[in-house]
C-alpha atoms as a PDB file:
ATOM      1  CA  ARG A   1       3.369   5.549   7.903  1.00  0.00           C
ATOM      2  CA  MET A   2      -0.476   4.894   7.516  1.00  0.00           C
ATOM      3  CA  THR A   3      -1.154   6.082  10.967  1.00  0.00           C
ATOM      4  CA  GLN A   4       0.809   9.302  10.483  1.00  0.00           C
ATOM      5  CA  ALA A   5      -0.714   9.928   7.023  1.00  0.00           C
ATOM      6  CA  CYS A   6      -4.262   9.392   8.086  1.00  0.00           C
ATOM      7  CA  HIS A   7      -3.902  11.318  11.364  1.00  0.00           C
ATOM      8  CA  ARG A   8      -2.429  14.217   9.418  1.00  0.00           C
ATOM      9  CA  LYS A   9      -5.240  14.118   6.953  1.00  0.00           C
ATOM     10  CA  CYS A  10      -8.151  13.669   9.167  1.00  0.00           C
ATOM     11  CA  VAL A  11      -7.383  15.099  12.689  1.00  0.00           C
ATOM     12  CA  PRO A  12      -6.731  18.800  13.127  1.00  0.00           C
ATOM     13  CA  PRO A  13      -3.411  19.627  14.856  1.00  0.00           C
ATOM     14  CA  HIS A  14      -5.206  21.463  17.764  1.00  0.00           C
ATOM     15  CA  TYR A  15      -7.584  19.141  19.514  1.00  0.00           C
ATOM     16  CA  LYS A  16     -10.934  20.499  20.504  1.00  0.00           C
ATOM     17  CA  ASP A  17     -12.274  17.419  22.249  1.00  0.00           C
ATOM     18  CA  ALA A  18     -10.796  14.288  23.799  1.00  0.00           C
ATOM     19  CA  GLU A  19     -12.826  12.058  21.541  1.00  0.00           C
ATOM     20  CA  LEU A  20     -12.839  11.934  17.789  1.00  0.00           C
ATOM     21  CA  SER A  21     -15.752  13.548  16.081  1.00  0.00           C
ATOM     22  CA  LYS A  22     -17.930  11.513  13.735  1.00  0.00           C
ATOM     23  CA  GLY A  23     -16.424  13.265  10.773  1.00  0.00           C
ATOM     24  CA  GLU A  24     -12.743  12.483  11.869  1.00  0.00           C
ATOM     25  CA  SER A  25     -13.767   8.867  12.579  1.00  0.00           C
ATOM     26  CA  VAL A  26     -15.367   8.517   9.080  1.00  0.00           C
ATOM     27  CA  CYS A  27     -12.310  10.105   7.507  1.00  0.00           C
ATOM     28  CA  LEU A  28      -9.972   7.711   9.432  1.00  0.00           C
ATOM     29  CA  ASP A  29     -11.905   4.687   8.400  1.00  0.00           C
ATOM     30  CA  ARG A  30     -11.852   5.696   4.747  1.00  0.00           C
ATOM     31  CA  CYS A  31      -8.288   6.595   4.774  1.00  0.00           C
ATOM     32  CA  VAL A  32      -7.152   3.356   6.410  1.00  0.00           C
ATOM     33  CA  ALA A  33      -9.333   1.378   4.041  1.00  0.00           C
ATOM     34  CA  LYS A  34      -7.849   3.183   0.984  1.00  0.00           C
ATOM     35  CA  TYR A  35      -4.376   2.745   2.286  1.00  0.00           C
ATOM     36  CA  LEU A  36      -4.819  -0.949   2.831  1.00  0.00           C
ATOM     37  CA  GLU A  37      -6.380  -1.411  -0.496  1.00  0.00           C
ATOM     38  CA  VAL A  38      -3.485   0.278  -2.347  1.00  0.00           C
ATOM     39  CA  HIS A  39      -0.983  -1.728  -0.196  1.00  0.00           C
ATOM     40  CA  GLU A  40      -2.646  -4.922  -1.238  1.00  0.00           C
ATOM     41  CA  ARG A  41      -2.761  -3.973  -4.971  1.00  0.00           C
ATOM     42  CA  MET A  42       0.928  -3.028  -4.845  1.00  0.00           C
ATOM     43  CA  GLY A  43       1.808  -6.267  -3.110  1.00  0.00           C
ATOM     44  CA  LYS A  44       0.060  -8.236  -5.899  1.00  0.00           C
ATOM     45  CA  LYS A  45       1.621  -6.179  -8.626  1.00  0.00           C
ATOM     46  CA  LEU A  46       5.059  -6.617  -7.249  1.00  0.00           C
ATOM     47  CA  THR A  47       4.568 -10.358  -6.786  1.00  0.00           C
ATOM     48  CA  GLU A  48       3.479 -10.476 -10.509  1.00  0.00           C
ATOM     49  CA  LEU A  49       6.506  -8.584 -11.637  1.00  0.00           C
ATOM     50  CA  SER A  50       8.778 -10.666  -9.543  1.00  0.00           C
ATOM     51  CA  LEU A  51       7.359 -13.807 -11.143  1.00  0.00           C
ATOM     52  CA  GLN A  52       7.758 -12.354 -14.597  1.00  0.00           C
ATOM     53  CA  ASP A  53      11.399 -11.475 -13.821  1.00  0.00           C
ATOM     54  CA  GLU A  54      12.080 -14.966 -12.630  1.00  0.00           C
ATOM     55  CA  GLU A  55      10.566 -16.442 -15.830  1.00  0.00           C
ATOM     56  CA  LEU A  56      12.654 -14.119 -18.005  1.00  0.00           C
ATOM     57  CA  LEU A  57      15.804 -15.113 -16.114  1.00  0.00           C
ATOM     58  CA  LYS A  58      15.149 -18.740 -16.523  1.00  0.00           C
ATOM     59  CA  ARG A  59      14.644 -18.244 -20.348  1.00  0.00           C
ATOM     60  CA  MET A  60      17.817 -16.234 -20.614  1.00  0.00           C
ATOM     61  CA  GLN A  61      19.806 -18.877 -18.701  1.00  0.00           C
ATOM     62  CA  GLN A  62      18.325 -21.646 -20.930  1.00  0.00           C
ATOM     63  CA  GLY A  63      19.008 -19.671 -24.020  1.00  0.00           C
ATOM     64  CA  SER A  64      22.779 -19.057 -23.028  1.00  0.00           C
ATOM     65  CA  GLY A  65      23.290 -22.633 -21.878  1.00  0.00           C
ATOM     66  CA  THR A  66      22.435 -24.218 -25.291  1.00  0.00           C
ATOM     67  CA  ALA A  67      24.544 -21.732 -27.320  1.00  0.00           C
END
């Protein structure tokens, strides 16, 4: 998905040269860096939410076990 998104954003659909231009290379570098940063942030947040859900589930099970 990252490859397609960054290619679509940074490389024109009709190639002029066989090699990437400096602007295209810089765009691709930034695009990939942003994509990976967002991916890492989302992974951390999902892990955090998962741990919160597990803790809540444990509390609920403990609460219903003593009633």
